[in-house]
Structure formats: structure tokens, C-alpha cells
């Protein structure tokens, strides 16, 4: 995926292939220097899914992607996730999260979010998440 050699991807029964029907909702973010970075000043890989969840929540609520009242964080629960890590982000740099896919599949919503370095657009990660809608 990192080198765009894989165009098709299967995740919890959902097939991703055609980039032309991507959602492409963007949001900028500076990770916390206090909790998201290690002692060497590099972004923890373990922080990537948490950052993606936080920014997906903001985009879902801002663009009203789900009908009904209540906070996205309370209305859903993560049931599966695949993360493809590509590179790191230095302390003080910003990243851009792009919500590429948001598809309802049965009781789940399947999301594909990419994280890129804001400074040069370099890919940091692709994150595929299945969230069960609870409310």
C-alpha cells in the first residue's frame, strides 16, 4: 500500500479499490508533545490509531455523516482495525488526516483514514477501522 502497488484491499468483508469515489474530508492536527511522542521526539506508532479516532470523530460530527443525536465516540465501538505504518513524524510537525471512506455495512461503519505529514504530504499511515453502531 505504501508504494501504491496494491490497489485492492479486503477488510472485514468490505472491498476497497476505486479511488475515484473517495470521500476526501481533511483535517489538520498537531499531536501532543506530552503524550504522543517518545523520548527521541518521534511520534509513537501506538498513537496513530488514537489520533485517527479523534480526527474521524471530528469529521463525522462536523459533516453530519451519521443521522441521529449523540456523540460519535459514545454511539460507536471499534470492532476491527488494520494499520499500515509508513513513516514517523517529528516533534512539532503537523499532520493531515483524510477520511477517504465511510461506508455502512450492516451494523458496522467501515472507515479508511490516511495520515500524512502536513509539511510535505508524505504518507504516515493508512488506517482501516470497523465501528459497530451502538445507538
N, C-alpha and C. Protein backbone atom coordinates (compact mmCIF):
# COMPACT_ATOMS: atom_id res chain seq x y z
N UNK A 1 0.83 -1.20 0.00
CA UNK A 1 0.00 0.00 0.00
C UNK A 1 0.87 1.25 0.00
N UNK A 2 1.97 1.18 0.71
CA UNK A 2 2.85 2.33 0.83
C UNK A 2 3.34 2.83 -0.53
N UNK A 3 3.64 1.90 -1.41
CA UNK A 3 4.18 2.26 -2.72
C UNK A 3 3.12 2.20 -3.82
N UNK A 4 1.85 2.15 -3.42
CA UNK A 4 0.71 2.13 -4.35
C UNK A 4 0.78 0.94 -5.30
N UNK A 5 1.39 -0.16 -4.87
CA UNK A 5 1.42 -1.37 -5.68
C UNK A 5 0.18 -2.21 -5.45
N UNK A 6 -0.46 -2.02 -4.31
CA UNK A 6 -1.70 -2.73 -4.00
C UNK A 6 -2.85 -1.75 -4.21
N UNK A 7 -3.72 -2.05 -5.14
CA UNK A 7 -4.86 -1.18 -5.42
C UNK A 7 -6.14 -1.69 -4.79
N UNK A 8 -6.19 -2.97 -4.47
CA UNK A 8 -7.38 -3.58 -3.89
C UNK A 8 -7.05 -4.07 -2.49
N UNK A 9 -7.98 -3.87 -1.56
CA UNK A 9 -7.76 -4.29 -0.19
C UNK A 9 -9.08 -4.78 0.38
N UNK A 10 -9.03 -5.92 1.06
CA UNK A 10 -10.21 -6.52 1.69
C UNK A 10 -10.09 -6.36 3.20
N UNK A 11 -11.11 -5.78 3.82
CA UNK A 11 -11.10 -5.56 5.27
C UNK A 11 -12.46 -5.91 5.82
N UNK A 12 -12.54 -6.87 6.72
CA UNK A 12 -13.78 -7.38 7.34
C UNK A 12 -14.93 -7.50 6.34
N UNK A 13 -14.62 -8.10 5.21
CA UNK A 13 -15.65 -8.34 4.20
C UNK A 13 -15.97 -7.15 3.32
N UNK A 14 -15.26 -6.05 3.47
CA UNK A 14 -15.51 -4.86 2.65
C UNK A 14 -14.31 -4.68 1.72
N UNK A 15 -14.61 -4.42 0.45
CA UNK A 15 -13.59 -4.31 -0.58
C UNK A 15 -13.32 -2.85 -0.91
N UNK A 16 -12.05 -2.45 -0.85
CA UNK A 16 -11.62 -1.11 -1.22
C UNK A 16 -10.83 -1.21 -2.51
N UNK A 17 -11.21 -0.40 -3.51
CA UNK A 17 -10.43 -0.44 -4.74
C UNK A 17 -10.41 0.87 -5.51
N UNK A 18 -11.55 1.46 -5.77
CA UNK A 18 -11.63 2.59 -6.69
C UNK A 18 -11.44 3.92 -5.99
N UNK A 19 -10.29 4.58 -6.21
CA UNK A 19 -10.05 5.85 -5.51
C UNK A 19 -10.93 7.00 -6.00
N UNK A 20 -11.64 6.83 -7.11
CA UNK A 20 -12.45 7.94 -7.63
C UNK A 20 -13.66 8.27 -6.77
N UNK A 21 -14.14 7.31 -5.99
CA UNK A 21 -15.31 7.60 -5.16
C UNK A 21 -14.91 7.80 -3.69
N UNK A 22 -13.71 8.31 -3.48
CA UNK A 22 -13.26 8.61 -2.13
C UNK A 22 -13.99 9.82 -1.57
N UNK A 23 -14.15 9.83 -0.27
CA UNK A 23 -14.82 10.91 0.43
C UNK A 23 -13.93 12.14 0.52
N UNK A 24 -12.68 11.97 0.91
CA UNK A 24 -11.66 13.03 0.97
C UNK A 24 -12.03 14.22 1.85
N UNK A 25 -12.38 13.95 3.10
CA UNK A 25 -12.59 15.01 4.08
C UNK A 25 -11.29 15.16 4.87
N UNK A 26 -10.78 16.38 4.98
CA UNK A 26 -9.47 16.63 5.57
C UNK A 26 -9.58 17.41 6.88
N UNK A 27 -8.61 17.15 7.76
CA UNK A 27 -8.49 17.92 8.99
C UNK A 27 -7.01 17.94 9.39
N UNK A 28 -6.55 19.07 9.89
CA UNK A 28 -5.17 19.25 10.31
C UNK A 28 -5.06 19.07 11.82
N UNK A 29 -3.89 18.60 12.27
CA UNK A 29 -3.74 18.30 13.69
C UNK A 29 -2.26 18.32 14.08
N UNK A 30 -1.97 18.87 15.25
CA UNK A 30 -0.62 18.76 15.81
C UNK A 30 -0.68 17.82 17.00
N UNK A 31 -0.03 16.66 16.92
CA UNK A 31 -0.04 15.72 18.05
C UNK A 31 0.56 16.35 19.30
N UNK A 32 0.13 15.85 20.44
CA UNK A 32 0.59 16.38 21.73
C UNK A 32 2.04 15.98 22.00
N UNK A 33 2.89 16.95 22.30
CA UNK A 33 4.28 16.62 22.63
C UNK A 33 4.40 15.90 23.98
N UNK A 34 3.34 15.93 24.78
CA UNK A 34 3.38 15.34 26.12
C UNK A 34 2.95 13.88 26.15
N UNK A 35 2.07 13.47 25.25
CA UNK A 35 1.58 12.08 25.31
C UNK A 35 1.75 11.30 24.01
N UNK A 36 1.95 11.98 22.89
CA UNK A 36 2.01 11.28 21.61
C UNK A 36 3.43 10.98 21.12
N UNK A 37 4.44 11.51 21.79
CA UNK A 37 5.83 11.36 21.35
C UNK A 37 6.67 10.60 22.37
N UNK A 38 7.72 9.95 21.89
CA UNK A 38 8.64 9.24 22.78
C UNK A 38 9.81 10.15 23.15
N UNK A 39 10.76 9.63 23.91
CA UNK A 39 11.89 10.41 24.38
C UNK A 39 12.82 10.89 23.27
N UNK A 40 12.76 10.23 22.11
CA UNK A 40 13.59 10.64 20.97
C UNK A 40 12.89 11.70 20.11
N UNK A 41 11.68 12.10 20.52
CA UNK A 41 10.96 13.13 19.78
C UNK A 41 10.25 12.60 18.54
N UNK A 42 9.98 11.29 18.50
CA UNK A 42 9.26 10.69 17.39
C UNK A 42 7.86 10.28 17.83
N UNK A 43 6.93 10.43 16.95
CA UNK A 43 5.53 10.08 17.23
C UNK A 43 5.43 8.58 17.48
N UNK A 44 4.84 8.20 18.61
CA UNK A 44 4.61 6.79 18.91
C UNK A 44 3.72 6.19 17.83
N UNK A 45 4.10 5.04 17.31
CA UNK A 45 3.22 4.36 16.37
C UNK A 45 1.89 4.01 17.04
N UNK A 46 1.92 3.72 18.34
CA UNK A 46 0.70 3.40 19.06
C UNK A 46 -0.27 4.57 19.13
N UNK A 47 0.21 5.78 18.89
CA UNK A 47 -0.66 6.96 18.92
C UNK A 47 -1.45 7.12 17.62
N UNK A 48 -1.01 6.52 16.54
CA UNK A 48 -1.67 6.71 15.24
C UNK A 48 -3.16 6.34 15.27
N UNK A 49 -3.55 5.16 15.80
CA UNK A 49 -4.98 4.84 15.84
C UNK A 49 -5.79 5.79 16.71
N UNK A 50 -5.21 6.24 17.83
CA UNK A 50 -5.92 7.18 18.71
C UNK A 50 -6.12 8.52 18.01
N UNK A 51 -5.10 8.97 17.32
CA UNK A 51 -5.20 10.22 16.56
C UNK A 51 -6.26 10.08 15.47
N UNK A 52 -6.24 8.94 14.77
CA UNK A 52 -7.24 8.72 13.72
C UNK A 52 -8.65 8.72 14.30
N UNK A 53 -8.86 8.03 15.43
CA UNK A 53 -10.18 8.02 16.07
C UNK A 53 -10.64 9.43 16.42
N UNK A 54 -9.75 10.22 17.00
CA UNK A 54 -10.08 11.58 17.42
C UNK A 54 -10.48 12.44 16.22
N UNK A 55 -9.72 12.34 15.14
CA UNK A 55 -9.98 13.18 13.97
C UNK A 55 -11.18 12.67 13.17
N UNK A 56 -11.37 11.35 13.11
CA UNK A 56 -12.57 10.81 12.47
C UNK A 56 -13.81 11.30 13.19
N UNK A 57 -13.77 11.29 14.51
CA UNK A 57 -14.91 11.78 15.30
C UNK A 57 -15.25 13.21 14.92
N UNK A 58 -14.23 14.07 14.83
CA UNK A 58 -14.47 15.47 14.47
C UNK A 58 -15.07 15.59 13.08
N UNK A 59 -14.56 14.83 12.13
CA UNK A 59 -15.07 14.90 10.75
C UNK A 59 -16.48 14.35 10.64
N UNK A 60 -16.75 13.23 11.31
CA UNK A 60 -18.08 12.63 11.27
C UNK A 60 -19.11 13.60 11.83
N UNK A 61 -18.78 14.23 12.94
CA UNK A 61 -19.74 15.15 13.57
C UNK A 61 -19.85 16.46 12.78
N UNK A 62 -18.75 17.00 12.31
CA UNK A 62 -18.76 18.25 11.55
C UNK A 62 -19.56 18.12 10.25
N UNK A 63 -19.42 16.98 9.58
CA UNK A 63 -20.08 16.79 8.29
C UNK A 63 -21.38 15.98 8.39
N UNK A 64 -21.81 15.72 9.65
CA UNK A 64 -23.07 15.01 9.92
C UNK A 64 -23.20 13.76 9.07
N UNK A 65 -22.20 12.90 9.16
CA UNK A 65 -22.18 11.67 8.35
C UNK A 65 -23.10 10.58 8.89
N UNK A 66 -23.52 10.72 10.15
CA UNK A 66 -24.44 9.75 10.75
C UNK A 66 -25.65 10.51 11.27
N UNK A 67 -26.84 9.98 10.95
CA UNK A 67 -28.05 10.63 11.44
C UNK A 67 -28.29 10.26 12.90
N UNK A 68 -29.02 11.10 13.59
CA UNK A 68 -29.32 10.86 14.99
C UNK A 68 -28.49 11.72 15.92
N UNK A 69 -28.93 11.78 17.16
CA UNK A 69 -28.26 12.62 18.15
C UNK A 69 -27.20 11.82 18.90
N UNK A 70 -26.32 12.53 19.52
CA UNK A 70 -25.30 11.89 20.36
C UNK A 70 -23.93 11.97 19.75
N UNK A 71 -22.96 11.79 20.59
CA UNK A 71 -21.55 11.87 20.20
C UNK A 71 -21.11 10.58 19.53
N UNK A 72 -20.37 10.70 18.45
CA UNK A 72 -19.84 9.56 17.70
C UNK A 72 -19.05 8.61 18.61
N UNK A 73 -18.30 9.15 19.56
CA UNK A 73 -17.49 8.33 20.45
C UNK A 73 -18.35 7.44 21.34
N UNK A 74 -19.55 7.89 21.69
CA UNK A 74 -20.45 7.13 22.55
C UNK A 74 -21.34 6.19 21.72
N UNK A 75 -21.62 6.58 20.51
CA UNK A 75 -22.55 5.83 19.65
C UNK A 75 -21.90 4.66 18.93
N UNK A 76 -20.57 4.57 18.95
CA UNK A 76 -19.88 3.51 18.21
C UNK A 76 -18.81 2.84 19.06
N UNK A 77 -18.43 1.64 18.65
CA UNK A 77 -17.35 0.92 19.30
C UNK A 77 -16.50 0.24 18.23
N UNK A 78 -15.20 0.35 18.34
CA UNK A 78 -14.30 -0.26 17.37
C UNK A 78 -14.34 -1.77 17.53
N UNK A 79 -14.55 -2.48 16.40
CA UNK A 79 -14.59 -3.94 16.42
C UNK A 79 -13.43 -4.56 15.63
N UNK A 80 -12.80 -3.80 14.75
CA UNK A 80 -11.65 -4.29 13.99
C UNK A 80 -10.84 -3.11 13.47
N UNK A 81 -9.52 -3.35 13.31
CA UNK A 81 -8.68 -2.28 12.79
C UNK A 81 -7.42 -2.88 12.17
N UNK A 82 -7.04 -2.36 11.02
CA UNK A 82 -5.76 -2.66 10.38
C UNK A 82 -5.03 -1.34 10.20
N UNK A 83 -3.75 -1.31 10.59
CA UNK A 83 -2.95 -0.09 10.44
C UNK A 83 -1.71 -0.43 9.64
N UNK A 84 -1.47 0.34 8.60
CA UNK A 84 -0.27 0.24 7.79
C UNK A 84 0.60 1.45 8.11
N UNK A 85 1.71 1.23 8.79
CA UNK A 85 2.61 2.31 9.20
C UNK A 85 3.67 2.52 8.12
N UNK A 86 3.92 3.77 7.76
CA UNK A 86 4.88 4.06 6.71
C UNK A 86 6.10 4.85 7.19
N UNK A 87 5.86 5.86 7.98
CA UNK A 87 6.99 6.66 8.48
C UNK A 87 6.55 7.41 9.72
N UNK A 88 7.47 8.16 10.29
CA UNK A 88 7.23 8.85 11.53
C UNK A 88 7.03 10.35 11.30
N UNK A 89 6.73 11.04 12.36
CA UNK A 89 6.52 12.49 12.32
C UNK A 89 7.35 13.09 13.45
N UNK A 90 8.12 14.08 13.15
CA UNK A 90 8.97 14.71 14.16
C UNK A 90 8.15 15.63 15.07
N UNK A 91 8.66 15.80 16.27
CA UNK A 91 8.05 16.67 17.27
C UNK A 91 7.85 18.07 16.70
N UNK A 92 6.66 18.62 16.90
CA UNK A 92 6.34 19.98 16.45
C UNK A 92 5.74 20.05 15.05
N UNK A 93 5.74 18.94 14.33
CA UNK A 93 5.14 18.94 13.00
C UNK A 93 3.66 18.62 13.08
N UNK A 94 2.93 19.09 12.08
CA UNK A 94 1.50 18.83 11.99
C UNK A 94 1.26 17.71 11.00
N UNK A 95 0.13 17.05 11.16
CA UNK A 95 -0.28 16.05 10.19
C UNK A 95 -1.66 16.38 9.67
N UNK A 96 -2.01 15.77 8.55
CA UNK A 96 -3.35 15.89 7.98
C UNK A 96 -3.98 14.51 7.97
N UNK A 97 -5.18 14.43 8.49
CA UNK A 97 -5.96 13.19 8.40
C UNK A 97 -6.97 13.38 7.28
N UNK A 98 -7.07 12.38 6.43
CA UNK A 98 -8.04 12.40 5.34
C UNK A 98 -8.96 11.20 5.51
N UNK A 99 -10.23 11.47 5.74
CA UNK A 99 -11.23 10.41 5.80
C UNK A 99 -11.61 10.09 4.37
N UNK A 100 -11.10 8.96 3.88
CA UNK A 100 -11.29 8.59 2.48
C UNK A 100 -12.56 7.79 2.25
N UNK A 101 -12.90 6.95 3.21
CA UNK A 101 -14.09 6.10 3.07
C UNK A 101 -14.89 6.12 4.36
N UNK A 102 -16.19 6.08 4.16
CA UNK A 102 -17.13 5.99 5.28
C UNK A 102 -18.34 5.24 4.73
N UNK A 103 -18.32 3.91 4.90
CA UNK A 103 -19.34 3.07 4.30
C UNK A 103 -20.08 2.28 5.37
N UNK A 104 -21.40 2.30 5.29
CA UNK A 104 -22.21 1.49 6.20
C UNK A 104 -22.33 0.09 5.62
N UNK A 105 -21.97 -0.90 6.43
CA UNK A 105 -22.04 -2.30 6.02
C UNK A 105 -22.71 -3.05 7.17
N UNK A 106 -24.01 -3.31 7.04
CA UNK A 106 -24.76 -3.96 8.11
C UNK A 106 -24.77 -3.10 9.35
N UNK A 107 -24.36 -3.69 10.48
CA UNK A 107 -24.31 -2.95 11.75
C UNK A 107 -23.05 -2.11 11.89
N UNK A 108 -22.13 -2.26 10.96
CA UNK A 108 -20.84 -1.59 11.07
C UNK A 108 -20.71 -0.42 10.11
N UNK A 109 -19.81 0.47 10.47
CA UNK A 109 -19.36 1.52 9.56
C UNK A 109 -17.88 1.27 9.34
N UNK A 110 -17.50 1.21 8.08
CA UNK A 110 -16.12 0.95 7.70
C UNK A 110 -15.48 2.28 7.31
N UNK A 111 -14.36 2.59 7.93
CA UNK A 111 -13.66 3.85 7.66
C UNK A 111 -12.26 3.56 7.15
N UNK A 112 -11.81 4.40 6.23
CA UNK A 112 -10.41 4.38 5.78
C UNK A 112 -9.91 5.80 5.95
N UNK A 113 -8.91 5.94 6.80
CA UNK A 113 -8.32 7.24 7.08
C UNK A 113 -6.83 7.17 6.78
N UNK A 114 -6.34 8.17 6.06
CA UNK A 114 -4.90 8.24 5.81
C UNK A 114 -4.34 9.41 6.62
N UNK A 115 -3.14 9.22 7.14
CA UNK A 115 -2.43 10.27 7.84
C UNK A 115 -1.22 10.64 7.00
N UNK A 116 -1.03 11.95 6.79
CA UNK A 116 0.11 12.43 6.01
C UNK A 116 0.77 13.58 6.76
N UNK A 117 2.05 13.78 6.50
CA UNK A 117 2.77 14.92 7.07
C UNK A 117 2.28 16.17 6.36
N UNK A 118 1.88 17.17 7.12
CA UNK A 118 1.36 18.39 6.51
C UNK A 118 2.44 19.12 5.73
N UNK A 119 3.68 19.04 6.17
CA UNK A 119 4.77 19.79 5.54
C UNK A 119 5.06 19.36 4.12
N UNK A 120 5.04 18.06 3.86
CA UNK A 120 5.40 17.58 2.52
C UNK A 120 4.43 16.58 1.92
N UNK A 121 3.35 16.25 2.63
CA UNK A 121 2.35 15.32 2.11
C UNK A 121 2.78 13.87 2.14
N UNK A 122 3.92 13.57 2.77
CA UNK A 122 4.41 12.19 2.82
C UNK A 122 3.45 11.34 3.66
N UNK A 123 3.19 10.13 3.18
CA UNK A 123 2.28 9.21 3.86
C UNK A 123 2.88 8.74 5.18
N UNK A 124 2.08 8.82 6.25
CA UNK A 124 2.48 8.33 7.56
C UNK A 124 1.83 6.98 7.85
N UNK A 125 0.54 6.84 7.49
CA UNK A 125 -0.18 5.61 7.77
C UNK A 125 -1.50 5.57 7.01
N UNK A 126 -1.98 4.36 6.77
CA UNK A 126 -3.35 4.11 6.31
C UNK A 126 -4.00 3.29 7.39
N UNK A 127 -5.19 3.72 7.82
CA UNK A 127 -5.88 3.07 8.92
C UNK A 127 -7.28 2.69 8.47
N UNK A 128 -7.57 1.39 8.57
CA UNK A 128 -8.89 0.86 8.22
C UNK A 128 -9.55 0.44 9.53
N UNK A 129 -10.76 0.94 9.79
CA UNK A 129 -11.44 0.68 11.05
C UNK A 129 -12.88 0.28 10.80
N UNK A 130 -13.33 -0.72 11.54
CA UNK A 130 -14.75 -1.09 11.54
C UNK A 130 -15.30 -0.70 12.90
N UNK A 131 -16.36 0.09 12.88
CA UNK A 131 -17.01 0.52 14.12
C UNK A 131 -18.45 0.02 14.11
N UNK A 132 -18.85 -0.57 15.22
CA UNK A 132 -20.22 -1.03 15.37
C UNK A 132 -21.05 0.13 15.88
N UNK A 133 -22.17 0.40 15.26
CA UNK A 133 -23.08 1.45 15.71
C UNK A 133 -23.92 0.89 16.84
N UNK A 134 -23.83 1.54 18.00
CA UNK A 134 -24.50 1.06 19.21
C UNK A 134 -25.84 1.73 19.45
N UNK A 135 -25.94 3.00 19.13
CA UNK A 135 -27.17 3.77 19.39
C UNK A 135 -27.76 4.31 18.11
